[in-house]
Amino acid sequence: MTTTVYQIIRRPLITEKGLGVKETQHTVVFEVAPSATKTQIKEAVQTLFKVKVDSVRTANFHGKFRRRGRAEGYRRDWKKAYVKLAAGEKMIEYAETA
């Protein structure tokens, strides 16, 4: 079964920490599929944005227990990927800051 790059990379994470890492460490942050491997993430970013990737770091997050009135349940589990671009590569622009 083949997966597309859009199934592997779900969305960019635009947070203060993510933008700080983007400026200082030449790294972009994405939410990715929990089953995606580092190699799949690297290939997906390279084909989608046409840049060279130096390294990939991942972090798994477990869904928190939440209640809303009498209803209760768990948020879904998700995975974050820190993708460091190779030296000399142009930074991916997925959000314009004003």
C-alpha atoms as a PDB file:
ATOM      1  CA  MET A   1       0.000   0.000   0.000  1.00  0.00           C
ATOM      2  CA  THR A   2       1.507   3.320  -1.048  1.00  0.00           C
ATOM      3  CA  THR A   3       1.007   6.524   0.872  1.00  0.00           C
ATOM      4  CA  THR A   4       1.062   9.983  -0.644  1.00  0.00           C
ATOM      5  CA  VAL A   5       3.125  12.867   0.697  1.00  0.00           C
ATOM      6  CA  TYR A   6      -0.092  14.513   1.873  1.00  0.00           C
ATOM      7  CA  GLN A   7      -0.906  11.490   4.030  1.00  0.00           C
ATOM      8  CA  ILE A   8       2.552  11.613   5.602  1.00  0.00           C
ATOM      9  CA  ILE A   9       2.784  15.386   6.153  1.00  0.00           C
ATOM     10  CA  ARG A  10      -0.490  16.626   7.593  1.00  0.00           C
ATOM     11  CA  ARG A  11       0.195  20.309   8.273  1.00  0.00           C
ATOM     12  CA  PRO A  12       2.909  22.735   9.316  1.00  0.00           C
ATOM     13  CA  LEU A  13       2.918  23.689  13.000  1.00  0.00           C
ATOM     14  CA  ILE A  14       3.009  27.455  13.287  1.00  0.00           C
ATOM     15  CA  THR A  15       3.790  28.238  16.926  1.00  0.00           C
ATOM     16  CA  GLU A  16       6.209  30.558  18.705  1.00  0.00           C
ATOM     17  CA  LYS A  17       8.574  27.676  19.362  1.00  0.00           C
ATOM     18  CA  GLY A  18       8.307  26.474  15.769  1.00  0.00           C
ATOM     19  CA  LEU A  19       9.024  29.920  14.325  1.00  0.00           C
ATOM     20  CA  GLY A  20      11.962  30.370  16.722  1.00  0.00           C
ATOM     21  CA  VAL A  21      13.475  27.063  15.632  1.00  0.00           C
ATOM     22  CA  LYS A  22      12.864  28.028  12.013  1.00  0.00           C
ATOM     23  CA  GLU A  23      14.894  31.232  12.362  1.00  0.00           C
ATOM     24  CA  THR A  24      17.726  30.002  14.575  1.00  0.00           C
ATOM     25  CA  GLN A  25      18.293  26.369  13.551  1.00  0.00           C
ATOM     26  CA  HIS A  26      17.130  26.339   9.885  1.00  0.00           C
ATOM     27  CA  THR A  27      14.466  23.794  10.887  1.00  0.00           C
ATOM     28  CA  VAL A  28      10.758  23.528  10.038  1.00  0.00           C
ATOM     29  CA  VAL A  29       8.118  21.752  12.135  1.00  0.00           C
ATOM     30  CA  PHE A  30       5.284  19.581  10.793  1.00  0.00           C
ATOM     31  CA  GLU A  31       2.518  17.412  12.176  1.00  0.00           C
ATOM     32  CA  VAL A  32       2.944  14.038  10.513  1.00  0.00           C
ATOM     33  CA  ALA A  33       1.154  10.704  10.449  1.00  0.00           C
ATOM     34  CA  PRO A  34       1.866   8.687  13.623  1.00  0.00           C
ATOM     35  CA  SER A  35       2.982   5.694  11.560  1.00  0.00           C
ATOM     36  CA  ALA A  36       5.401   7.701   9.373  1.00  0.00           C
ATOM     37  CA  THR A  37       9.105   6.895   9.637  1.00  0.00           C
ATOM     38  CA  LYS A  38      11.937   9.420   9.498  1.00  0.00           C
ATOM     39  CA  THR A  39      12.905   8.226   6.022  1.00  0.00           C
ATOM     40  CA  GLN A  40       9.345   8.650   4.726  1.00  0.00           C
ATOM     41  CA  ILE A  41       9.145  12.146   6.244  1.00  0.00           C
ATOM     42  CA  LYS A  42      12.480  13.129   4.671  1.00  0.00           C
ATOM     43  CA  GLU A  43      11.430  11.907   1.214  1.00  0.00           C
ATOM     44  CA  ALA A  44       8.008  13.580   1.489  1.00  0.00           C
ATOM     45  CA  VAL A  45       9.483  16.984   2.391  1.00  0.00           C
ATOM     46  CA  GLN A  46      12.077  16.721  -0.386  1.00  0.00           C
ATOM     47  CA  THR A  47       9.458  15.915  -3.046  1.00  0.00           C
ATOM     48  CA  LEU A  48       6.803  18.330  -1.802  1.00  0.00           C
ATOM     49  CA  PHE A  49       8.982  21.416  -1.254  1.00  0.00           C
ATOM     50  CA  LYS A  50      11.921  20.545  -3.565  1.00  0.00           C
ATOM     51  CA  VAL A  51      14.624  21.099  -0.938  1.00  0.00           C
ATOM     52  CA  LYS A  52      17.421  18.943   0.488  1.00  0.00           C
ATOM     53  CA  VAL A  53      16.854  17.652   4.030  1.00  0.00           C
ATOM     54  CA  ASP A  54      19.780  17.236   6.426  1.00  0.00           C
ATOM     55  CA  SER A  55      18.069  15.428   9.324  1.00  0.00           C
ATOM     56  CA  VAL A  56      14.693  14.587  10.851  1.00  0.00           C
ATOM     57  CA  ARG A  57      13.789  14.398  14.550  1.00  0.00           C
ATOM     58  CA  THR A  58      10.404  13.153  15.711  1.00  0.00           C
ATOM     59  CA  ALA A  59       8.345  13.346  18.892  1.00  0.00           C
ATOM     60  CA  ASN A  60       5.242  11.309  19.742  1.00  0.00           C
ATOM     61  CA  PHE A  61       2.426  12.887  21.769  1.00  0.00           C
ATOM     62  CA  HIS A  62      -0.240  10.831  23.502  1.00  0.00           C
ATOM     63  CA  GLY A  63      -3.821  12.086  23.521  1.00  0.00           C
ATOM     64  CA  LYS A  64      -4.896  13.808  26.700  1.00  0.00           C
ATOM     65  CA  PHE A  65      -8.017  12.902  28.659  1.00  0.00           C
ATOM     66  CA  ARG A  66     -10.608  15.684  28.290  1.00  0.00           C
ATOM     67  CA  ARG A  67     -14.110  16.288  29.655  1.00  0.00           C
ATOM     68  CA  ARG A  68     -16.815  18.627  28.416  1.00  0.00           C
ATOM     69  CA  GLY A  69     -19.744  18.464  30.798  1.00  0.00           C
ATOM     70  CA  ARG A  70     -20.739  14.821  31.125  1.00  0.00           C
ATOM     71  CA  ALA A  71     -19.019  13.835  27.884  1.00  0.00           C
ATOM     72  CA  GLU A  72     -15.488  12.550  28.282  1.00  0.00           C
ATOM     73  CA  GLY A  73     -12.871  11.042  26.044  1.00  0.00           C
ATOM     74  CA  TYR A  74      -9.331  11.253  24.764  1.00  0.00           C
ATOM     75  CA  ARG A  75      -7.762  13.503  22.183  1.00  0.00           C
ATOM     76  CA  ARG A  76      -6.066  11.652  19.381  1.00  0.00           C
ATOM     77  CA  ASP A  77      -2.389  10.663  19.484  1.00  0.00           C
ATOM     78  CA  TRP A  78      -0.165  12.635  17.125  1.00  0.00           C
ATOM     79  CA  LYS A  79       3.420  12.989  15.973  1.00  0.00           C
ATOM     80  CA  LYS A  80       5.606  16.044  15.411  1.00  0.00           C
ATOM     81  CA  ALA A  81       8.610  16.165  13.065  1.00  0.00           C
ATOM     82  CA  TYR A  82      11.478  18.658  13.203  1.00  0.00           C
ATOM     83  CA  VAL A  83      12.995  18.761   9.702  1.00  0.00           C
ATOM     84  CA  LYS A  84      16.429  20.393   9.428  1.00  0.00           C
ATOM     85  CA  LEU A  85      17.243  21.637   5.943  1.00  0.00           C
ATOM     86  CA  ALA A  86      20.679  21.217   4.400  1.00  0.00           C
ATOM     87  CA  ALA A  87      23.113  24.137   4.442  1.00  0.00           C
ATOM     88  CA  GLY A  88      22.503  26.597   1.619  1.00  0.00           C
ATOM     89  CA  GLU A  89      18.874  25.563   1.076  1.00  0.00           C
ATOM     90  CA  LYS A  90      16.194  28.240   0.828  1.00  0.00           C
ATOM     91  CA  MET A  91      13.835  28.205   3.831  1.00  0.00           C
ATOM     92  CA  ILE A  92      10.319  26.870   3.251  1.00  0.00           C
ATOM     93  CA  GLU A  93       7.782  29.687   3.447  1.00  0.00           C
ATOM     94  CA  TYR A  94       4.433  28.331   4.559  1.00  0.00           C
ATOM     95  CA  ALA A  95       3.325  31.367   6.567  1.00  0.00           C
ATOM     96  CA  GLU A  96       3.963  35.017   5.988  1.00  0.00           C
ATOM     97  CA  THR A  97       4.496  37.029   9.150  1.00  0.00           C
ATOM     98  CA  ALA A  98       3.379  40.641   9.165  1.00  0.00           C
END
